[in-house]
Structures are given as structure tokens and as C-alpha cells.
């Protein structure tokens, strides 16, 4: 009966929550990591993959990639080999549109 008392504070949230928490532990303030499984939802939507023109400080008028691939193949904490980090933020004019779009893609 003693072993049951030791386990009463454990929470079994599930695989998705577990992987999400592990990814979040890699991040610093203001960083967003997503698994390759989630990133597959984004692959065909330029709005969430590329910068807007007004945020391009280089003035090249070219959209830039927002996400960078991270290799996790040597990290045994994860059940996937790749993740992606959001490296750039949208401008103050379009960030709400970006957030709405990425949430909508997550619900598909």
C-alpha cells in the first residue's frame, strides 16, 4: 500500500502533452518550437511559413522563411527526429492574422 501513496501526485497527461512539454523545455523566452508532425499542417500555407513584406528590414521586398529546422535525431527524449523553431515574428500590422491562421491550421 505504501507504493500507492507515492504515486498519488503523478499526472498522466498523454503522449502529445509529454512531447509538447519536452519541446517547450528546449525553448528560450519568446521562442516557439513545433514538432515535424505539426509542421506538416503548415507546409502549404505561405502566410504562416513566410514573412510579410513590411517586416523585411533588408528592404529586398522578398518574403523570408520564418521557421528553421532543428535536428533532434540524437535526442532520445523525442519520438520524432525533426522540430522547427519560429525564428522571426510577424510585423505589428499582420500578427493577428498570422495567429488566427496558425490556430485554424491546428484545428484541421
PDB file of N, CA and C in Angstrom:
ATOM      1  N   UNK A   1       0.807  -1.196   0.000  1.00  0.00           N
ATOM      2  CA  UNK A   1       0.000   0.000   0.000  1.00  0.00           C
ATOM      3  C   UNK A   1       0.852   1.263   0.000  1.00  0.00           C
ATOM      4  N   UNK A   2       2.055   1.203   0.465  1.00  0.00           N
ATOM      5  CA  UNK A   2       2.910   2.384   0.514  1.00  0.00           C
ATOM      6  C   UNK A   2       3.181   2.905  -0.900  1.00  0.00           C
ATOM      7  N   UNK A   3       3.387   2.033  -1.867  1.00  0.00           N
ATOM      8  CA  UNK A   3       3.691   2.471  -3.233  1.00  0.00           C
ATOM      9  C   UNK A   3       2.560   3.292  -3.825  1.00  0.00           C
ATOM     10  N   UNK A   4       1.316   3.061  -3.474  1.00  0.00           N
ATOM     11  CA  UNK A   4       0.198   3.852  -3.982  1.00  0.00           C
ATOM     12  C   UNK A   4       0.268   5.292  -3.479  1.00  0.00           C
ATOM     13  N   UNK A   5       0.694   5.486  -2.250  1.00  0.00           N
ATOM     14  CA  UNK A   5       0.798   6.842  -1.700  1.00  0.00           C
ATOM     15  C   UNK A   5       1.845   7.664  -2.433  1.00  0.00           C
ATOM     16  N   UNK A   6       2.914   7.030  -2.852  1.00  0.00           N
ATOM     17  CA  UNK A   6       3.979   7.735  -3.568  1.00  0.00           C
ATOM     18  C   UNK A   6       3.519   8.191  -4.949  1.00  0.00           C
ATOM     19  N   UNK A   7       2.580   7.494  -5.537  1.00  0.00           N
ATOM     20  CA  UNK A   7       2.157   7.791  -6.897  1.00  0.00           C
ATOM     21  C   UNK A   7       0.931   8.687  -6.970  1.00  0.00           C
ATOM     22  N   UNK A   8       0.373   9.097  -5.881  1.00  0.00           N
ATOM     23  CA  UNK A   8      -0.894   9.818  -5.930  1.00  0.00           C
ATOM     24  C   UNK A   8      -0.783  11.212  -6.557  1.00  0.00           C
ATOM     25  N   UNK A   9       0.410  11.781  -6.635  1.00  0.00           N
ATOM     26  CA  UNK A   9       0.578  13.100  -7.230  1.00  0.00           C
ATOM     27  C   UNK A   9       1.011  13.061  -8.691  1.00  0.00           C
ATOM     28  N   UNK A  10       1.160  11.890  -9.249  1.00  0.00           N
ATOM     29  CA  UNK A  10       1.552  11.775 -10.643  1.00  0.00           C
ATOM     30  C   UNK A  10       0.384  12.104 -11.555  1.00  0.00           C
ATOM     31  N   UNK A  11       0.714  12.695 -12.695  1.00  0.00           N
ATOM     32  CA  UNK A  11      -0.295  13.026 -13.695  1.00  0.00           C
ATOM     33  C   UNK A  11       0.116  12.368 -15.006  1.00  0.00           C
ATOM     34  N   UNK A  12      -0.813  11.671 -15.619  1.00  0.00           N
ATOM     35  CA  UNK A  12      -0.559  11.019 -16.904  1.00  0.00           C
ATOM     36  C   UNK A  12      -1.318  11.812 -17.958  1.00  0.00           C
ATOM     37  N   UNK A  13      -0.657  12.787 -18.538  1.00  0.00           N
ATOM     38  CA  UNK A  13      -1.310  13.710 -19.465  1.00  0.00           C
ATOM     39  C   UNK A  13      -1.395  13.159 -20.884  1.00  0.00           C
ATOM     40  N   UNK A  14      -0.580  12.227 -21.221  1.00  0.00           N
ATOM     41  CA  UNK A  14      -0.609  11.651 -22.563  1.00  0.00           C
ATOM     42  C   UNK A  14       0.605  12.031 -23.383  1.00  0.00           C
ATOM     43  N   UNK A  15       0.774  11.316 -24.472  1.00  0.00           N
ATOM     44  CA  UNK A  15       1.955  11.457 -25.327  1.00  0.00           C
ATOM     45  C   UNK A  15       2.078  12.856 -25.937  1.00  0.00           C
ATOM     46  N   UNK A  16       0.969  13.410 -26.422  1.00  0.00           N
ATOM     47  CA  UNK A  16       1.015  14.722 -27.066  1.00  0.00           C
ATOM     48  C   UNK A  16       1.485  15.794 -26.091  1.00  0.00           C
ATOM     49  N   UNK A  17       0.923  15.798 -24.912  1.00  0.00           N
ATOM     50  CA  UNK A  17       1.306  16.779 -23.891  1.00  0.00           C
ATOM     51  C   UNK A  17       2.752  16.555 -23.456  1.00  0.00           C
ATOM     52  N   UNK A  18       3.148  15.321 -23.339  1.00  0.00           N
ATOM     53  CA  UNK A  18       4.513  14.988 -22.940  1.00  0.00           C
ATOM     54  C   UNK A  18       5.530  15.513 -23.956  1.00  0.00           C
ATOM     55  N   UNK A  19       5.289  15.260 -25.244  1.00  0.00           N
ATOM     56  CA  UNK A  19       6.196  15.738 -26.293  1.00  0.00           C
ATOM     57  C   UNK A  19       6.212  17.272 -26.348  1.00  0.00           C
ATOM     58  N   UNK A  20       5.051  17.888 -26.169  1.00  0.00           N
ATOM     59  CA  UNK A  20       4.950  19.344 -26.183  1.00  0.00           C
ATOM     60  C   UNK A  20       5.760  19.955 -25.041  1.00  0.00           C
ATOM     61  N   UNK A  21       5.644  19.381 -23.866  1.00  0.00           N
ATOM     62  CA  UNK A  21       6.400  19.882 -22.713  1.00  0.00           C
ATOM     63  C   UNK A  21       7.904  19.736 -22.933  1.00  0.00           C
ATOM     64  N   UNK A  22       8.316  18.637 -23.531  1.00  0.00           N
ATOM     65  CA  UNK A  22       9.739  18.433 -23.806  1.00  0.00           C
ATOM     66  C   UNK A  22      10.253  19.443 -24.840  1.00  0.00           C
ATOM     67  N   UNK A  23       9.455  19.716 -25.860  1.00  0.00           N
ATOM     68  CA  UNK A  23       9.847  20.740 -26.842  1.00  0.00           C
ATOM     69  C   UNK A  23       9.937  22.107 -26.180  1.00  0.00           C
ATOM     70  N   UNK A  24       8.966  22.422 -25.353  1.00  0.00           N
ATOM     71  CA  UNK A  24       8.969  23.716 -24.671  1.00  0.00           C
ATOM     72  C   UNK A  24      10.197  23.865 -23.777  1.00  0.00           C
ATOM     73  N   UNK A  25      10.682  22.773 -23.233  1.00  0.00           N
ATOM     74  CA  UNK A  25      11.862  22.848 -22.368  1.00  0.00           C
ATOM     75  C   UNK A  25      13.126  23.231 -23.143  1.00  0.00           C
ATOM     76  N   UNK A  26      13.118  23.063 -24.463  1.00  0.00           N
ATOM     77  CA  UNK A  26      14.259  23.461 -25.297  1.00  0.00           C
ATOM     78  C   UNK A  26      14.275  24.958 -25.572  1.00  0.00           C
ATOM     79  N   UNK A  27      13.130  25.593 -25.438  1.00  0.00           N
ATOM     80  CA  UNK A  27      12.996  26.983 -25.877  1.00  0.00           C
ATOM     81  C   UNK A  27      13.468  27.982 -24.830  1.00  0.00           C
ATOM     82  N   UNK A  28      13.783  29.154 -25.336  1.00  0.00           N
ATOM     83  CA  UNK A  28      14.086  30.307 -24.503  1.00  0.00           C
ATOM     84  C   UNK A  28      12.865  31.221 -24.565  1.00  0.00           C
ATOM     85  N   UNK A  29      12.892  32.302 -23.828  1.00  0.00           N
ATOM     86  CA  UNK A  29      11.784  33.250 -23.886  1.00  0.00           C
ATOM     87  C   UNK A  29      11.535  33.674 -25.319  1.00  0.00           C
ATOM     88  N   UNK A  30      10.304  33.769 -25.679  1.00  0.00           N
ATOM     89  CA  UNK A  30       9.839  34.240 -26.984  1.00  0.00           C
ATOM     90  C   UNK A  30      10.106  33.271 -28.126  1.00  0.00           C
ATOM     91  N   UNK A  31      10.509  32.049 -27.836  1.00  0.00           N
ATOM     92  CA  UNK A  31      10.732  31.064 -28.885  1.00  0.00           C
ATOM     93  C   UNK A  31       9.552  30.093 -28.940  1.00  0.00           C
ATOM     94  N   UNK A  32       9.285  29.632 -30.133  1.00  0.00           N
ATOM     95  CA  UNK A  32       8.219  28.657 -30.348  1.00  0.00           C
ATOM     96  C   UNK A  32       8.787  27.492 -31.137  1.00  0.00           C
ATOM     97  N   UNK A  33       8.678  26.294 -30.570  1.00  0.00           N
ATOM     98  CA  UNK A  33       9.083  25.063 -31.240  1.00  0.00           C
ATOM     99  C   UNK A  33       7.830  24.271 -31.591  1.00  0.00           C
ATOM    100  N   UNK A  34       7.854  23.613 -32.742  1.00  0.00           N
ATOM    101  CA  UNK A  34       6.786  22.690 -33.109  1.00  0.00           C
ATOM    102  C   UNK A  34       7.419  21.413 -33.648  1.00  0.00           C
ATOM    103  N   UNK A  35       6.723  20.316 -33.474  1.00  0.00           N
ATOM    104  CA  UNK A  35       7.208  19.042 -33.995  1.00  0.00           C
ATOM    105  C   UNK A  35       7.047  19.000 -35.520  1.00  0.00           C
ATOM    106  N   UNK A  36       7.754  18.079 -36.143  1.00  0.00           N
ATOM    107  CA  UNK A  36       7.592  17.927 -37.587  1.00  0.00           C
ATOM    108  C   UNK A  36       6.182  17.477 -37.939  1.00  0.00           C
ATOM    109  N   UNK A  37       5.533  16.758 -37.027  1.00  0.00           N
ATOM    110  CA  UNK A  37       4.149  16.324 -37.276  1.00  0.00           C
ATOM    111  C   UNK A  37       3.219  17.530 -37.369  1.00  0.00           C
ATOM    112  N   UNK A  38       3.382  18.492 -36.458  1.00  0.00           N
ATOM    113  CA  UNK A  38       2.567  19.702 -36.527  1.00  0.00           C
ATOM    114  C   UNK A  38       2.961  20.550 -37.732  1.00  0.00           C
ATOM    115  N   UNK A  39       4.253  20.637 -38.003  1.00  0.00           N
ATOM    116  CA  UNK A  39       4.736  21.456 -39.112  1.00  0.00           C
ATOM    117  C   UNK A  39       4.144  21.007 -40.449  1.00  0.00           C
ATOM    118  N   UNK A  40       3.839  19.725 -40.574  1.00  0.00           N
ATOM    119  CA  UNK A  40       3.225  19.219 -41.807  1.00  0.00           C
ATOM    120  C   UNK A  40       1.890  19.905 -42.084  1.00  0.00           C
ATOM    121  N   UNK A  41       1.215  20.386 -41.046  1.00  0.00           N
ATOM    122  CA  UNK A  41      -0.032  21.135 -41.235  1.00  0.00           C
ATOM    123  C   UNK A  41       0.217  22.492 -41.887  1.00  0.00           C
ATOM    124  N   UNK A  42       1.434  22.999 -41.769  1.00  0.00           N
ATOM    125  CA  UNK A  42       1.758  24.335 -42.236  1.00  0.00           C
ATOM    126  C   UNK A  42       2.369  24.366 -43.630  1.00  0.00           C
ATOM    127  N   UNK A  43       2.825  23.244 -44.123  1.00  0.00           N
ATOM    128  CA  UNK A  43       3.690  23.185 -45.294  1.00  0.00           C
ATOM    129  C   UNK A  43       3.158  23.894 -46.522  1.00  0.00           C
ATOM    130  N   UNK A  44       1.851  24.038 -46.642  1.00  0.00           N
ATOM    131  CA  UNK A  44       1.293  24.586 -47.873  1.00  0.00           C
ATOM    132  C   UNK A  44       0.690  25.980 -47.675  1.00  0.00           C
ATOM    133  N   UNK A  45       1.003  26.641 -46.594  1.00  0.00           N
ATOM    134  CA  UNK A  45       0.391  27.938 -46.328  1.00  0.00           C
ATOM    135  C   UNK A  45       1.463  29.015 -46.165  1.00  0.00           C
ATOM    136  N   UNK A  46       1.614  29.831 -47.187  1.00  0.00           N
ATOM    137  CA  UNK A  46       2.674  30.842 -47.192  1.00  0.00           C
ATOM    138  C   UNK A  46       2.524  31.846 -46.054  1.00  0.00           C
ATOM    139  N   UNK A  47       1.301  32.118 -45.644  1.00  0.00           N
ATOM    140  CA  UNK A  47       1.075  33.095 -44.581  1.00  0.00           C
ATOM    141  C   UNK A  47       1.793  32.716 -43.291  1.00  0.00           C
ATOM    142  N   UNK A  48       1.834  31.435 -42.965  1.00  0.00           N
ATOM    143  CA  UNK A  48       2.480  31.015 -41.723  1.00  0.00           C
ATOM    144  C   UNK A  48       3.920  30.554 -41.920  1.00  0.00           C
ATOM    145  N   UNK A  49       4.349  30.404 -43.161  1.00  0.00           N
ATOM    146  CA  UNK A  49       5.714  29.952 -43.433  1.00  0.00           C
ATOM    147  C   UNK A  49       6.677  31.081 -43.786  1.00  0.00           C
ATOM    148  N   UNK A  50       6.156  32.151 -44.347  1.00  0.00           N
ATOM    149  CA  UNK A  50       6.999  33.246 -44.846  1.00  0.00           C
ATOM    150  C   UNK A  50       6.656  34.560 -44.153  1.00  0.00           C
ATOM    151  N   UNK A  51       7.619  35.445 -44.125  1.00  0.00           N
ATOM    152  CA  UNK A  51       7.405  36.780 -43.563  1.00  0.00           C
ATOM    153  C   UNK A  51       6.530  37.611 -44.492  1.00  0.00           C
ATOM    154  N   UNK A  52       5.973  38.657 -43.941  1.00  0.00           N
ATOM    155  CA  UNK A  52       5.256  39.615 -44.793  1.00  0.00           C
ATOM    156  C   UNK A  52       6.285  40.621 -45.320  1.00  0.00           C
ATOM    157  N   UNK A  53       5.933  41.308 -46.369  1.00  0.00           N
ATOM    158  CA  UNK A  53       6.889  42.254 -46.963  1.00  0.00           C
ATOM    159  C   UNK A  53       7.210  43.412 -46.031  1.00  0.00           C
ATOM    160  N   UNK A  54       6.244  43.859 -45.249  1.00  0.00           N
ATOM    161  CA  UNK A  54       6.506  45.036 -44.417  1.00  0.00           C
ATOM    162  C   UNK A  54       7.424  44.724 -43.236  1.00  0.00           C
ATOM    163  N   UNK A  55       7.634  43.457 -42.934  1.00  0.00           N
ATOM    164  CA  UNK A  55       8.547  43.116 -41.836  1.00  0.00           C
ATOM    165  C   UNK A  55       9.969  42.866 -42.320  1.00  0.00           C
ATOM    166  N   UNK A  56      10.186  42.963 -43.616  1.00  0.00           N
ATOM    167  CA  UNK A  56      11.503  42.681 -44.175  1.00  0.00           C
ATOM    168  C   UNK A  56      12.394  43.923 -44.045  1.00  0.00           C
ATOM    169  N   UNK A  57      13.197  43.932 -43.015  1.00  0.00           N
ATOM    170  CA  UNK A  57      14.043  45.093 -42.729  1.00  0.00           C
ATOM    171  C   UNK A  57      15.178  45.258 -43.733  1.00  0.00           C
ATOM    172  N   UNK A  58      15.443  44.237 -44.518  1.00  0.00           N
ATOM    173  CA  UNK A  58      16.517  44.326 -45.510  1.00  0.00           C
ATOM    174  C   UNK A  58      16.079  45.103 -46.753  1.00  0.00           C
ATOM    175  N   UNK A  59      14.803  45.369 -46.840  1.00  0.00           N
ATOM    176  CA  UNK A  59      14.231  46.118 -47.954  1.00  0.00           C
ATOM    177  C   UNK A  59      14.473  45.441 -49.305  1.00  0.00           C
ATOM    178  N   UNK A  60      14.488  44.150 -49.316  1.00  0.00           N
ATOM    179  CA  UNK A  60      14.638  43.419 -50.577  1.00  0.00           C
ATOM    180  C   UNK A  60      13.289  43.106 -51.193  1.00  0.00           C
ATOM    181  N   UNK A  61      12.245  43.329 -50.456  1.00  0.00           N
ATOM    182  CA  UNK A  61      10.888  43.033 -50.876  1.00  0.00           C
ATOM    183  C   UNK A  61      10.679  41.548 -51.169  1.00  0.00           C
ATOM    184  N   UNK A  62      11.474  40.726 -50.543  1.00  0.00           N
ATOM    185  CA  UNK A  62      11.297  39.285 -50.668  1.00  0.00           C
ATOM    186  C   UNK A  62      10.829  38.730 -49.337  1.00  0.00           C
ATOM    187  N   UNK A  63       9.936  37.787 -49.409  1.00  0.00           N
ATOM    188  CA  UNK A  63       9.486  37.132 -48.189  1.00  0.00           C
ATOM    189  C   UNK A  63      10.562  36.154 -47.736  1.00  0.00           C
ATOM    190  N   UNK A  64      10.759  36.080 -46.426  1.00  0.00           N
ATOM    191  CA  UNK A  64      11.779  35.207 -45.865  1.00  0.00           C
ATOM    192  C   UNK A  64      11.130  34.075 -45.080  1.00  0.00           C
ATOM    193  N   UNK A  65      11.832  32.953 -44.988  1.00  0.00           N
ATOM    194  CA  UNK A  65      11.343  31.833 -44.186  1.00  0.00           C
ATOM    195  C   UNK A  65      11.274  32.239 -42.724  1.00  0.00           C
ATOM    196  N   UNK A  66      10.185  31.857 -42.056  1.00  0.00           N
ATOM    197  CA  UNK A  66      10.021  32.149 -40.638  1.00  0.00           C
ATOM    198  C   UNK A  66      10.517  31.018 -39.750  1.00  0.00           C
ATOM    199  N   UNK A  67      10.588  29.807 -40.290  1.00  0.00           N
ATOM    200  CA  UNK A  67      10.891  28.617 -39.494  1.00  0.00           C
ATOM    201  C   UNK A  67      12.247  28.031 -39.874  1.00  0.00           C
ATOM    202  N   UNK A  68      12.931  27.504 -38.881  1.00  0.00           N
ATOM    203  CA  UNK A  68      14.217  26.831 -39.087  1.00  0.00           C
ATOM    204  C   UNK A  68      14.102  25.395 -38.581  1.00  0.00           C
ATOM    205  N   UNK A  69      14.605  24.463 -39.375  1.00  0.00           N
ATOM    206  CA  UNK A  69      14.576  23.051 -38.988  1.00  0.00           C
ATOM    207  C   UNK A  69      15.636  22.764 -37.926  1.00  0.00           C
ATOM    208  N   UNK A  70      15.258  21.979 -36.932  1.00  0.00           N
ATOM    209  CA  UNK A  70      16.162  21.575 -35.850  1.00  0.00           C
ATOM    210  C   UNK A  70      16.275  20.053 -35.855  1.00  0.00           C
ATOM    211  N   UNK A  71      17.493  19.551 -35.842  1.00  0.00           N
ATOM    212  CA  UNK A  71      17.739  18.104 -35.832  1.00  0.00           C
ATOM    213  C   UNK A  71      17.655  17.585 -34.402  1.00  0.00           C
ATOM    214  N   UNK A  72      16.746  16.649 -34.161  1.00  0.00           N
ATOM    215  CA  UNK A  72      16.599  16.030 -32.840  1.00  0.00           C
ATOM    216  C   UNK A  72      16.911  14.536 -32.879  1.00  0.00           C
ATOM    217  N   UNK A  73      17.532  14.085 -33.948  1.00  0.00           N
ATOM    218  CA  UNK A  73      17.761  12.650 -34.120  1.00  0.00           C
ATOM    219  C   UNK A  73      18.666  12.050 -33.046  1.00  0.00           C
ATOM    220  N   UNK A  74      19.492  12.855 -32.422  1.00  0.00           N
ATOM    221  CA  UNK A  74      20.368  12.358 -31.357  1.00  0.00           C
ATOM    222  C   UNK A  74      19.792  12.574 -29.966  1.00  0.00           C
ATOM    223  N   UNK A  75      18.566  13.060 -29.887  1.00  0.00           N
ATOM    224  CA  UNK A  75      17.928  13.321 -28.602  1.00  0.00           C
ATOM    225  C   UNK A  75      16.868  12.249 -28.363  1.00  0.00           C
ATOM    226  N   UNK A  76      17.120  11.358 -27.406  1.00  0.00           N
ATOM    227  CA  UNK A  76      16.211  10.234 -27.176  1.00  0.00           C
ATOM    228  C   UNK A  76      14.958  10.603 -26.385  1.00  0.00           C
ATOM    229  N   UNK A  77      14.783  11.864 -26.053  1.00  0.00           N
ATOM    230  CA  UNK A  77      13.569  12.298 -25.360  1.00  0.00           C
ATOM    231  C   UNK A  77      12.360  12.347 -26.295  1.00  0.00           C
ATOM    232  N   UNK A  78      12.606  12.432 -27.586  1.00  0.00           N
ATOM    233  CA  UNK A  78      11.535  12.646 -28.550  1.00  0.00           C
ATOM    234  C   UNK A  78      11.286  11.410 -29.400  1.00  0.00           C
ATOM    235  N   UNK A  79      10.044  11.268 -29.848  1.00  0.00           N
ATOM    236  CA  UNK A  79       9.718  10.170 -30.747  1.00  0.00           C
ATOM    237  C   UNK A  79       9.640  10.650 -32.199  1.00  0.00           C
ATOM    238  N   UNK A  80      10.288  11.766 -32.487  1.00  0.00           N
ATOM    239  CA  UNK A  80      10.419  12.303 -33.842  1.00  0.00           C
ATOM    240  C   UNK A  80      11.833  12.851 -33.983  1.00  0.00           C
ATOM    241  N   UNK A  81      12.301  12.997 -35.213  1.00  0.00           N
ATOM    242  CA  UNK A  81      13.693  13.381 -35.459  1.00  0.00           C
ATOM    243  C   UNK A  81      13.903  14.845 -35.779  1.00  0.00           C
ATOM    244  N   UNK A  82      12.803  15.553 -36.118  1.00  0.00           N
ATOM    245  CA  UNK A  82      12.923  16.955 -36.500  1.00  0.00           C
ATOM    246  C   UNK A  82      11.893  17.793 -35.757  1.00  0.00           C
ATOM    247  N   UNK A  83      12.288  19.013 -35.491  1.00  0.00           N
ATOM    248  CA  UNK A  83      11.361  20.023 -34.983  1.00  0.00           C
ATOM    249  C   UNK A  83      11.650  21.303 -35.755  1.00  0.00           C
ATOM    250  N   UNK A  84      10.820  22.290 -35.562  1.00  0.00           N
ATOM    251  CA  UNK A  84      11.004  23.571 -36.232  1.00  0.00           C
ATOM    252  C   UNK A  84      10.846  24.674 -35.207  1.00  0.00           C
ATOM    253  N   UNK A  85      11.691  25.697 -35.336  1.00  0.00           N
ATOM    254  CA  UNK A  85      11.641  26.835 -34.441  1.00  0.00           C
ATOM    255  C   UNK A  85      11.242  28.072 -35.242  1.00  0.00           C
ATOM    256  N   UNK A  86      10.345  28.835 -34.682  1.00  0.00           N
ATOM    257  CA  UNK A  86       9.938  30.089 -35.301  1.00  0.00           C
ATOM    258  C   UNK A  86      11.039  31.098 -35.028  1.00  0.00           C
ATOM    259  N   UNK A  87      11.712  31.528 -36.086  1.00  0.00           N
ATOM    260  CA  UNK A  87      12.874  32.400 -35.923  1.00  0.00           C
ATOM    261  C   UNK A  87      12.563  33.874 -36.084  1.00  0.00           C
ATOM    262  N   UNK A  88      11.444  34.194 -36.657  1.00  0.00           N
ATOM    263  CA  UNK A  88      11.119  35.581 -36.919  1.00  0.00           C
ATOM    264  C   UNK A  88       9.657  35.815 -36.585  1.00  0.00           C
ATOM    265  N   UNK A  89       9.341  36.995 -36.137  1.00  0.00           N
ATOM    266  CA  UNK A  89       7.970  37.331 -35.804  1.00  0.00           C
ATOM    267  C   UNK A  89       7.355  38.184 -36.902  1.00  0.00           C
ATOM    268  N   UNK A  90       6.061  38.118 -36.978  1.00  0.00           N
ATOM    269  CA  UNK A  90       5.345  38.949 -37.931  1.00  0.00           C
ATOM    270  C   UNK A  90       5.308  40.382 -37.441  1.00  0.00           C
ATOM    271  N   UNK A  91       5.105  41.285 -38.349  1.00  0.00           N
ATOM    272  CA  UNK A  91       5.047  42.710 -38.026  1.00  0.00           C
ATOM    273  C   UNK A  91       3.807  43.036 -37.195  1.00  0.00           C
ATOM    274  N   UNK A  92       3.785  44.212 -36.627  1.00  0.00           N
ATOM    275  CA  UNK A  92       2.664  44.620 -35.780  1.00  0.00           C
ATOM    276  C   UNK A  92       1.374  44.812 -36.576  1.00  0.00           C
ATOM    277  N   UNK A  93       1.465  44.954 -37.889  1.00  0.00           N
ATOM    278  CA  UNK A  93       0.273  45.103 -38.728  1.00  0.00           C
ATOM    279  C   UNK A  93      -0.424  43.776 -39.011  1.00  0.00           C
ATOM    280  N   UNK A  94       0.347  42.679 -39.072  1.00  0.00           N
ATOM    281  CA  UNK A  94      -0.207  41.409 -39.544  1.00  0.00           C
ATOM    282  C   UNK A  94      -0.162  40.267 -38.527  1.00  0.00           C
ATOM    283  N   UNK A  95       0.315  40.500 -37.323  1.00  0.00           N
ATOM    284  CA  UNK A  95       0.491  39.396 -36.379  1.00  0.00           C
ATOM    285  C   UNK A  95      -0.825  38.737 -35.991  1.00  0.00           C
ATOM    286  N   UNK A  96      -1.906  39.489 -35.886  1.00  0.00           N
ATOM    287  CA  UNK A  96      -3.198  38.888 -35.524  1.00  0.00           C
ATOM    288  C   UNK A  96      -3.671  37.929 -36.614  1.00  0.00           C
ATOM    289  N   UNK A  97      -3.496  38.334 -37.848  1.00  0.00           N
ATOM    290  CA  UNK A  97      -3.868  37.491 -38.983  1.00  0.00           C
ATOM    291  C   UNK A  97      -3.052  36.196 -38.966  1.00  0.00           C
ATOM    292  N   UNK A  98      -1.743  36.317 -38.670  1.00  0.00           N
ATOM    293  CA  UNK A  98      -0.861  35.153 -38.610  1.00  0.00           C
ATOM    294  C   UNK A  98      -1.314  34.199 -37.509  1.00  0.00           C
ATOM    295  N   UNK A  99      -1.601  34.742 -36.324  1.00  0.00           N
ATOM    296  CA  UNK A  99      -2.030  33.907 -35.193  1.00  0.00           C
ATOM    297  C   UNK A  99      -3.338  33.184 -35.496  1.00  0.00           C
ATOM    298  N   UNK A 100      -4.286  33.871 -36.052  1.00  0.00           N
ATOM    299  CA  UNK A 100      -5.566  33.251 -36.406  1.00  0.00           C
ATOM    300  C   UNK A 100      -5.363  32.119 -37.404  1.00  0.00           C
ATOM    301  N   UNK A 101      -4.489  32.330 -38.363  1.00  0.00           N
ATOM    302  CA  UNK A 101      -4.250  31.331 -39.392  1.00  0.00           C
ATOM    303  C   UNK A 101      -3.571  30.087 -38.823  1.00  0.00           C
ATOM    304  N   UNK A 102      -2.580  30.260 -37.982  1.00  0.00           N
ATOM    305  CA  UNK A 102      -1.870  29.103 -37.444  1.00  0.00           C
ATOM    306  C   UNK A 102      -2.778  28.310 -36.502  1.00  0.00           C
ATOM    307  N   UNK A 103      -3.652  28.973 -35.776  1.00  0.00           N
ATOM    308  CA  UNK A 103      -4.601  28.272 -34.914  1.00  0.00           C
ATOM    309  C   UNK A 103      -5.610  27.502 -35.766  1.00  0.00           C
ATOM    310  N   UNK A 104      -6.078  28.118 -36.841  1.00  0.00           N
ATOM    311  CA  UNK A 104      -7.022  27.437 -37.739  1.00  0.00           C
ATOM    312  C   UNK A 104      -6.392  26.191 -38.362  1.00  0.00           C
ATOM    313  N   UNK A 105      -5.127  26.257 -38.721  1.00  0.00           N
ATOM    314  CA  UNK A 105      -4.442  25.101 -39.304  1.00  0.00           C
ATOM    315  C   UNK A 105      -4.281  23.993 -38.272  1.00  0.00           C
ATOM    316  N   UNK A 106      -4.131  24.354 -37.003  1.00  0.00           N
ATOM    317  CA  UNK A 106      -4.003  23.356 -35.941  1.00  0.00           C
ATOM    318  C   UNK A 106      -5.308  22.600 -35.736  1.00  0.00           C
ATOM    319  N   UNK A 107      -6.411  23.231 -36.041  1.00  0.00           N
ATOM    320  CA  UNK A 107      -7.728  22.596 -35.841  1.00  0.00           C
ATOM    321  C   UNK A 107      -8.143  21.709 -37.000  1.00  0.00           C
ATOM    322  N   UNK A 108      -7.355  21.662 -38.056  1.00  0.00           N
ATOM    323  CA  UNK A 108      -7.693  20.816 -39.220  1.00  0.00           C
ATOM    324  C   UNK A 108      -7.318  19.380 -38.972  1.00  0.00           C
TER     325      UNK A 108
END
